[in-house]
Amino acid sequence: MAATLTDVAKRAGVALSTASRAYSDPERVGSETLRKVLTVAQELGYQPPVARLVEPIADDGTTTVAVIVPDIANPVFAAFVKAAQGQGWYRRQTVVLADTDLNSEREREVITHLRERVDGMVVCSPRLAADQILALCPRIPVVLVNREASGTDCVVADASDGLRQTIDYLAALGHRRIAYVQGSQLSWSNEHRVGLIRGLTAEAGLDLQVLGWQAETVAGGNAAAASVIATGASAVITHNDLMALGMVAGARALGVQVPEDLSVVGIDDIPLAAITDPTLTTVAVPMARAGALSLELLERRLGGDRQTPRVVRLPTQLVVRGSTGPAAAPSVLASQRPA
């Protein structure tokens, strides 16, 4: 089988786009890299298309980057992608989008498939461990979002401020027992939030009930409603807004009113949070800002930035709406528990 340009790029240890530029626009490739690509091509017997030898293909200077998200149907990731696409357009980058359906093995396959086809990669809220992702991409820059790791640039929506405000607010409303419904076991954000909430509730002298992992969807929140009510908690925080919306529906189906009997707090502040009935109290997470910033950091790396990798923390903020209120009397809560 005749050698391909992909074979040349792999052997030379460069991105496919760099190998392509060695033929289409060699002046934009460093002399050492150019020499390496051409030498490897000769060793492999690679023959570029005749059209490239006669008339070089125009190169508009763009780079191609991959943006990988766990669930494009979730509005918070849609906001992230939209901002990343906008930043990519501004920086003349071609943005390739991939959805992993919250599945770690699919995420691995997607990264493996794209790593030789793009110049850089942004992986948002990954299900794989950071070291696994970096091991899969040894030759291209990677920016991780909502996953903190050494050795690469990271953008983290820091829940510290938003959750502290939430616990202080619920305590002021008289809530003494609070439940937290977890998202995926593979979610770094979930683990981070559990740790924060444990510390904050202990500091405030509140009883915390941490419930098991659920799907990060409306159905996941709905399924957790009975378990939350069984704890006797007067307030619940869910891993994200979709789960919070499911929690409201599930509580109502069991005869529990929100916020009269149970206060519900989500995390993300998706657009639906402001128009549901009741409107949803939530912790606003700046995912649009994260989307734009991740492309900016990646562009710097592609441009030759050799600074020490950094972790950029974006603050969060409690947004109070109609799904929270004063704690119900203990006798009322006890009457609502499933038999």
Foldseek 3Di string as FASTA:
>chain_A
DADDLLNLCVVLLAASVLLLCLQQPVVVHDPVSNVSSVVSCVVRVPDDDPCSVVHRDDDPPEFEEEEEEADCVPLLVVLLVVLLVVLSVVVRYHYHYYYQVNDQVSVLVVLLVCLRPGQEYEYEQHLDAPVVSCVSRVRHAYEYEQHDDFDHAYEYAQCQAAVLVVVVVQVVLVWQEEEEAAEDPSGSLRVNVVVNNVVNSVVVNGHYHYDDYFHPALVRLLVCQLVRLQVLGQEYEYAADRSQNSNQVNLVVLVAHFNQRHAYEGEDPRVVQCPDVFRHWYKHTPSSVVSSVRSVRSVCVSVPDPDGHDYHYHYIHTDDTRRHHRGHDSVSSVVSRDD
